[in-house]
PDB file of all heavy atoms in Angstrom:
ATOM      1  N   LEU A   1      87.530 113.322  99.988  1.00  0.00           N
ATOM      2  CA  LEU A   1      88.074 112.938  98.583  1.00  0.00           C
ATOM      3  C   LEU A   1      88.567 111.492  98.544  1.00  0.00           C
ATOM      4  O   LEU A   1      88.277 110.763  97.536  1.00  0.00           O
ATOM      5  CB  LEU A   1      89.109 113.890  98.027  1.00  0.00           C
ATOM      6  CG  LEU A   1      88.503 115.259  97.675  1.00  0.00           C
ATOM      7  CD1 LEU A   1      89.669 116.310  97.472  1.00  0.00           C
ATOM      8  CD2 LEU A   1      87.638 115.229  96.622  1.00  0.00           C
ATOM      9  N   ILE A   2      89.335 111.148  99.575  1.00  0.00           N
ATOM     10  CA  ILE A   2      89.845 109.707  99.587  1.00  0.00           C
ATOM     11  C   ILE A   2      88.561 108.701  99.680  1.00  0.00           C
ATOM     12  O   ILE A   2      88.655 107.542  99.140  1.00  0.00           O
ATOM     13  CB  ILE A   2      90.795 109.610 100.843  1.00  0.00           C
ATOM     14  CG1 ILE A   2      92.156 110.273 100.446  1.00  0.00           C
ATOM     15  CG2 ILE A   2      91.038 108.089 101.065  1.00  0.00           C
ATOM     16  CD1 ILE A   2      92.874 109.720  99.256  1.00  0.00           C
ATOM     17  N   THR A   3      87.630 109.129 100.449  1.00  0.00           N
ATOM     18  CA  THR A   3      86.331 108.336 100.491  1.00  0.00           C
ATOM     19  C   THR A   3      85.705 108.176  99.140  1.00  0.00           C
ATOM     20  O   THR A   3      85.296 107.066  98.775  1.00  0.00           O
ATOM     21  CB  THR A   3      85.396 108.884 101.593  1.00  0.00           C
ATOM     22  OG1 THR A   3      86.088 108.973 102.821  1.00  0.00           O
ATOM     23  CG2 THR A   3      84.181 108.028 101.692  1.00  0.00           C
ATOM     24  N   LEU A   4      85.625 109.245  98.515  1.00  0.00           N
ATOM     25  CA  LEU A   4      85.071 109.171  97.105  1.00  0.00           C
ATOM     26  C   LEU A   4      85.913 108.307  96.237  1.00  0.00           C
ATOM     27  O   LEU A   4      85.371 107.637  95.328  1.00  0.00           O
ATOM     28  CB  LEU A   4      84.825 110.648  96.623  1.00  0.00           C
ATOM     29  CG  LEU A   4      83.747 111.389  97.230  1.00  0.00           C
ATOM     30  CD1 LEU A   4      83.719 112.883  96.713  1.00  0.00           C
ATOM     31  CD2 LEU A   4      82.350 110.743  96.926  1.00  0.00           C
ATOM     32  N   PHE A   5      87.249 108.475  96.345  1.00  0.00           N
ATOM     33  CA  PHE A   5      88.140 107.593  95.554  1.00  0.00           C
ATOM     34  C   PHE A   5      87.873 106.137  95.818  1.00  0.00           C
ATOM     35  O   PHE A   5      87.766 105.327  94.834  1.00  0.00           O
ATOM     36  CB  PHE A   5      89.546 107.994  95.766  1.00  0.00           C
ATOM     37  CG  PHE A   5      90.646 107.351  95.081  1.00  0.00           C
ATOM     38  CD1 PHE A   5      90.730 107.573  93.714  1.00  0.00           C
ATOM     39  CD2 PHE A   5      91.561 106.505  95.659  1.00  0.00           C
ATOM     40  CE1 PHE A   5      91.681 106.953  92.905  1.00  0.00           C
ATOM     41  CE2 PHE A   5      92.510 105.770  94.853  1.00  0.00           C
ATOM     42  CZ  PHE A   5      92.527 106.018  93.538  1.00  0.00           C
ATOM     43  N   ALA A   6      87.779 105.755  97.010  1.00  0.00           N
ATOM     44  CA  ALA A   6      87.435 104.421  97.446  1.00  0.00           C
ATOM     45  C   ALA A   6      86.054 103.924  96.845  1.00  0.00           C
ATOM     46  O   ALA A   6      85.949 102.852  96.435  1.00  0.00           O
ATOM     47  CB  ALA A   6      87.418 104.179  98.888  1.00  0.00           C
ATOM     48  N   ALA A   7      85.022 104.799  96.880  1.00  0.00           N
ATOM     49  CA  ALA A   7      83.781 104.475  96.359  1.00  0.00           C
ATOM     50  C   ALA A   7      83.806 104.316  94.826  1.00  0.00           C
ATOM     51  O   ALA A   7      83.182 103.373  94.292  1.00  0.00           O
ATOM     52  CB  ALA A   7      82.728 105.660  96.625  1.00  0.00           C
ATOM     53  N   GLY A   8      84.583 105.094  94.143  1.00  0.00           N
ATOM     54  CA  GLY A   8      84.739 104.856  92.694  1.00  0.00           C
ATOM     55  C   GLY A   8      85.426 103.558  92.380  1.00  0.00           C
ATOM     56  O   GLY A   8      85.000 102.840  91.474  1.00  0.00           O
ATOM     57  N   LEU A   9      86.437 103.181  93.113  1.00  0.00           N
ATOM     58  CA  LEU A   9      87.145 101.942  92.948  1.00  0.00           C
ATOM     59  C   LEU A   9      86.215 100.781  93.328  1.00  0.00           C
ATOM     60  O   LEU A   9      86.208  99.780  92.600  1.00  0.00           O
ATOM     61  CB  LEU A   9      88.361 101.812  93.806  1.00  0.00           C
ATOM     62  CG  LEU A   9      89.581 102.608  93.291  1.00  0.00           C
ATOM     63  CD1 LEU A   9      90.775 102.412  94.347  1.00  0.00           C
ATOM     64  CD2 LEU A   9      89.990 102.140  91.952  1.00  0.00           C
ATOM     65  N   ALA A  10      85.376 100.946  94.403  1.00  0.00           N
ATOM     66  CA  ALA A  10      84.479  99.892  94.762  1.00  0.00           C
ATOM     67  C   ALA A  10      83.341  99.681  93.622  1.00  0.00           C
ATOM     68  O   ALA A  10      82.993  98.477  93.309  1.00  0.00           O
ATOM     69  CB  ALA A  10      83.760 100.251  96.098  1.00  0.00           C
ATOM     70  N   ALA A  11      82.915 100.724  93.035  1.00  0.00           N
ATOM     71  CA  ALA A  11      81.924 100.633  92.054  1.00  0.00           C
ATOM     72  C   ALA A  11      82.499 100.012  90.672  1.00  0.00           C
ATOM     73  O   ALA A  11      81.961  99.177  89.968  1.00  0.00           O
ATOM     74  CB  ALA A  11      81.341 101.924  91.692  1.00  0.00           C
ATOM     75  N   ALA A  12      83.802 100.268  90.520  1.00  0.00           N
ATOM     76  CA  ALA A  12      84.543  99.668  89.344  1.00  0.00           C
ATOM     77  C   ALA A  12      84.814  98.173  89.569  1.00  0.00           C
ATOM     78  O   ALA A  12      84.596  97.382  88.585  1.00  0.00           O
ATOM     79  CB  ALA A  12      85.665 100.471  88.987  1.00  0.00           C
ATOM     80  N   LEU A  13      85.294  97.812  90.779  1.00  0.00           N
ATOM     81  CA  LEU A  13      85.707  96.446  90.899  1.00  0.00           C
ATOM     82  C   LEU A  13      84.577  95.503  91.435  1.00  0.00           C
ATOM     83  O   LEU A  13      84.700  94.347  91.307  1.00  0.00           O
ATOM     84  CB  LEU A  13      86.909  96.453  91.897  1.00  0.00           C
ATOM     85  CG  LEU A  13      88.220  97.183  91.383  1.00  0.00           C
ATOM     86  CD1 LEU A  13      89.118  97.092  92.541  1.00  0.00           C
ATOM     87  CD2 LEU A  13      88.611  96.550  90.103  1.00  0.00           C
ATOM     88  N   ARG A  14      83.628  96.103  92.157  1.00  0.00           N
ATOM     89  CA  ARG A  14      82.414  95.361  92.712  1.00  0.00           C
ATOM     90  C   ARG A  14      83.026  94.219  93.674  1.00  0.00           C
ATOM     91  O   ARG A  14      82.345  93.185  93.749  1.00  0.00           O
ATOM     92  CB  ARG A  14      81.696  94.779  91.664  1.00  0.00           C
ATOM     93  CG  ARG A  14      81.060  95.672  90.663  1.00  0.00           C
ATOM     94  CD  ARG A  14      79.903  96.281  91.136  1.00  0.00           C
ATOM     95  NE  ARG A  14      78.828  95.292  91.350  1.00  0.00           N
ATOM     96  CZ  ARG A  14      77.601  95.532  91.257  1.00  0.00           C
ATOM     97  NH1 ARG A  14      77.138  96.644  90.874  1.00  0.00           N
ATOM     98  NH2 ARG A  14      76.742  94.564  91.463  1.00  0.00           N
ATOM     99  N   SER A  15      84.056  94.441  94.322  1.00  0.00           N
ATOM    100  CA  SER A  15      84.600  93.520  95.313  1.00  0.00           C
ATOM    101  C   SER A  15      85.354  94.208  96.432  1.00  0.00           C
ATOM    102  O   SER A  15      86.278  94.809  96.199  1.00  0.00           O
ATOM    103  CB  SER A  15      85.482  92.547  94.574  1.00  0.00           C
ATOM    104  OG  SER A  15      86.206  91.815  95.565  1.00  0.00           O
ATOM    105  N   ALA A  16      84.715  94.113  97.621  1.00  0.00           N
ATOM    106  CA  ALA A  16      85.354  94.864  98.695  1.00  0.00           C
ATOM    107  C   ALA A  16      86.731  94.329  99.090  1.00  0.00           C
ATOM    108  O   ALA A  16      87.587  95.109  99.356  1.00  0.00           O
ATOM    109  CB  ALA A  16      84.445  94.693 100.014  1.00  0.00           C
ATOM    110  N   PRO A  17      87.006  92.978  99.098  1.00  0.00           N
ATOM    111  CA  PRO A  17      88.367  92.576  99.325  1.00  0.00           C
ATOM    112  C   PRO A  17      89.363  93.122  98.246  1.00  0.00           C
ATOM    113  O   PRO A  17      90.473  93.460  98.594  1.00  0.00           O
ATOM    114  CB  PRO A  17      88.372  91.058  99.218  1.00  0.00           C
ATOM    115  CG  PRO A  17      86.916  90.676  99.474  1.00  0.00           C
ATOM    116  CD  PRO A  17      86.027  91.864  98.999  1.00  0.00           C
ATOM    117  N   ALA A  18      88.948  93.221  96.904  1.00  0.00           N
ATOM    118  CA  ALA A  18      89.798  93.693  95.921  1.00  0.00           C
ATOM    119  C   ALA A  18      90.105  95.232  96.101  1.00  0.00           C
ATOM    120  O   ALA A  18      91.291  95.620  95.956  1.00  0.00           O
ATOM    121  CB  ALA A  18      89.231  93.506  94.557  1.00  0.00           C
ATOM    122  N   VAL A  19      89.121  95.935  96.554  1.00  0.00           N
ATOM    123  CA  VAL A  19      89.372  97.403  96.806  1.00  0.00           C
ATOM    124  C   VAL A  19      90.340  97.570  97.925  1.00  0.00           C
ATOM    125  O   VAL A  19      91.174  98.438  97.919  1.00  0.00           O
ATOM    126  CB  VAL A  19      87.942  98.064  97.034  1.00  0.00           C
ATOM    127  CG1 VAL A  19      88.175  99.550  97.492  1.00  0.00           C
ATOM    128  CG2 VAL A  19      87.119  98.005  95.798  1.00  0.00           C
ATOM    129  N   MET A  20      90.024  96.773  99.044  1.00  0.00           N
ATOM    130  CA  MET A  20      91.013  96.969 100.251  1.00  0.00           C
ATOM    131  C   MET A  20      92.335  96.419  99.795  1.00  0.00           C
ATOM    132  O   MET A  20      93.369  97.034 100.314  1.00  0.00           O
ATOM    133  CB  MET A  20      90.343  96.114 101.393  1.00  0.00           C
ATOM    134  CG  MET A  20      89.191  96.683 102.007  1.00  0.00           C
ATOM    135  SD  MET A  20      89.542  98.215 102.913  1.00  0.00           S
ATOM    136  CE  MET A  20      88.921  99.392 101.740  1.00  0.00           C
ATOM    137  N   GLY A  21      92.468  95.486  99.029  1.00  0.00           N
ATOM    138  CA  GLY A  21      93.769  94.959  98.625  1.00  0.00           C
ATOM    139  C   GLY A  21      94.503  95.868  97.760  1.00  0.00           C
ATOM    140  O   GLY A  21      95.749  95.878  97.623  1.00  0.00           O
ATOM    141  N   ILE A  22      93.825  96.808  97.043  1.00  0.00           N
ATOM    142  CA  ILE A  22      94.449  97.832  96.302  1.00  0.00           C
ATOM    143  C   ILE A  22      94.616  99.101  97.196  1.00  0.00           C
ATOM    144  O   ILE A  22      95.743  99.669  97.052  1.00  0.00           O
ATOM    145  CB  ILE A  22      93.590  98.209  95.055  1.00  0.00           C
ATOM    146  CG1 ILE A  22      93.578  96.982  94.051  1.00  0.00           C
ATOM    147  CG2 ILE A  22      94.071  99.491  94.331  1.00  0.00           C
ATOM    148  CD1 ILE A  22      92.589  97.139  92.918  1.00  0.00           C
ATOM    149  N   LEU A  23      93.643  99.582  97.864  1.00  0.00           N
ATOM    150  CA  LEU A  23      93.819 100.821  98.535  1.00  0.00           C
ATOM    151  C   LEU A  23      94.813 100.889  99.656  1.00  0.00           C
ATOM    152  O   LEU A  23      95.561 101.858  99.758  1.00  0.00           O
ATOM    153  CB  LEU A  23      92.386 101.306  99.120  1.00  0.00           C
ATOM    154  CG  LEU A  23      91.521 101.903  98.085  1.00  0.00           C
ATOM    155  CD1 LEU A  23      90.212 102.261  98.812  1.00  0.00           C
ATOM    156  CD2 LEU A  23      92.057 103.075  97.482  1.00  0.00           C
ATOM    157  N   ILE A  24      94.826  99.826 100.476  1.00  0.00           N
ATOM    158  CA  ILE A  24      95.722  99.765 101.628  1.00  0.00           C
ATOM    159  C   ILE A  24      97.251  99.848 101.118  1.00  0.00           C
ATOM    160  O   ILE A  24      97.964 100.678 101.600  1.00  0.00           O
ATOM    161  CB  ILE A  24      95.444  98.525 102.526  1.00  0.00           C
ATOM    162  CG1 ILE A  24      94.120  98.800 103.254  1.00  0.00           C
ATOM    163  CG2 ILE A  24      96.527  98.339 103.584  1.00  0.00           C
ATOM    164  CD1 ILE A  24      93.627  97.663 104.070  1.00  0.00           C
ATOM    165  N   PRO A  25      97.674  98.979 100.272  1.00  0.00           N
ATOM    166  CA  PRO A  25      99.070  99.174  99.805  1.00  0.00           C
ATOM    167  C   PRO A  25      99.229 100.458  98.989  1.00  0.00           C
ATOM    168  O   PRO A  25     100.258 101.101  99.109  1.00  0.00           O
ATOM    169  CB  PRO A  25      99.322  97.989  98.886  1.00  0.00           C
ATOM    170  CG  PRO A  25      98.173  97.015  99.200  1.00  0.00           C
ATOM    171  CD  PRO A  25      97.075  97.707  99.673  1.00  0.00           C
ATOM    172  N   PHE A  26      98.229 100.842  98.229  1.00  0.00           N
ATOM    173  CA  PHE A  26      98.342 101.970  97.334  1.00  0.00           C
ATOM    174  C   PHE A  26      98.448 103.263  98.132  1.00  0.00           C
ATOM    175  O   PHE A  26      99.282 104.157  97.873  1.00  0.00           O
ATOM    176  CB  PHE A  26      97.248 102.049  96.333  1.00  0.00           C
ATOM    177  CG  PHE A  26      97.376 103.061  95.242  1.00  0.00           C
ATOM    178  CD1 PHE A  26      98.277 102.890  94.244  1.00  0.00           C
ATOM    179  CD2 PHE A  26      96.588 104.144  95.154  1.00  0.00           C
ATOM    180  CE1 PHE A  26      98.423 103.741  93.182  1.00  0.00           C
ATOM    181  CE2 PHE A  26      96.750 105.094  94.254  1.00  0.00           C
ATOM    182  CZ  PHE A  26      97.596 104.826  93.097  1.00  0.00           C
ATOM    183  N   LEU A  27      97.648 103.396  99.134  1.00  0.00           N
ATOM    184  CA  LEU A  27      97.644 104.612  99.866  1.00  0.00           C
ATOM    185  C   LEU A  27      98.599 104.601 100.992  1.00  0.00           C
ATOM    186  O   LEU A  27      99.040 105.759 101.475  1.00  0.00           O
ATOM    187  CB  LEU A  27      96.184 104.927 100.377  1.00  0.00           C
ATOM    188  CG  LEU A  27      95.145 105.128  99.345  1.00  0.00           C
ATOM    189  CD1 LEU A  27      93.760 105.531  99.942  1.00  0.00           C
ATOM    190  CD2 LEU A  27      95.500 106.371  98.504  1.00  0.00           C
ATOM    191  N   LEU A  28      98.851 103.483 101.618  1.00  0.00           N
ATOM    192  CA  LEU A  28      99.723 103.520 102.851  1.00  0.00           C
ATOM    193  C   LEU A  28     101.165 103.231 102.636  1.00  0.00           C
ATOM    194  O   LEU A  28     102.038 103.620 103.449  1.00  0.00           O
ATOM    195  CB  LEU A  28      99.076 102.516 103.893  1.00  0.00           C
ATOM    196  CG  LEU A  28      97.653 102.887 104.275  1.00  0.00           C
ATOM    197  CD1 LEU A  28      97.110 101.879 105.275  1.00  0.00           C
ATOM    198  CD2 LEU A  28      97.695 104.224 104.960  1.00  0.00           C
ATOM    199  N   MET A  29     101.490 102.429 101.522  1.00  0.00           N
ATOM    200  CA  MET A  29     102.758 102.016 101.404  1.00  0.00           C
ATOM    201  C   MET A  29     103.517 102.413 100.142  1.00  0.00           C
ATOM    202  O   MET A  29     104.664 102.740 100.206  1.00  0.00           O
ATOM    203  CB  MET A  29     102.868 100.427 101.509  1.00  0.00           C
ATOM    204  CG  MET A  29     102.502  99.918 102.895  1.00  0.00           C
ATOM    205  SD  MET A  29     102.529  98.041 103.015  1.00  0.00           S
ATOM    206  CE  MET A  29     101.407  97.569 101.901  1.00  0.00           C
TER     207      MET A  29
END
């Protein structure tokens, strides 16, 4: 489910650095 969440964000933002910049702080911190 977390993988699908990341895929949805990647499709919405179309930028891997932006998705990582959101997911890492959002999910880990």
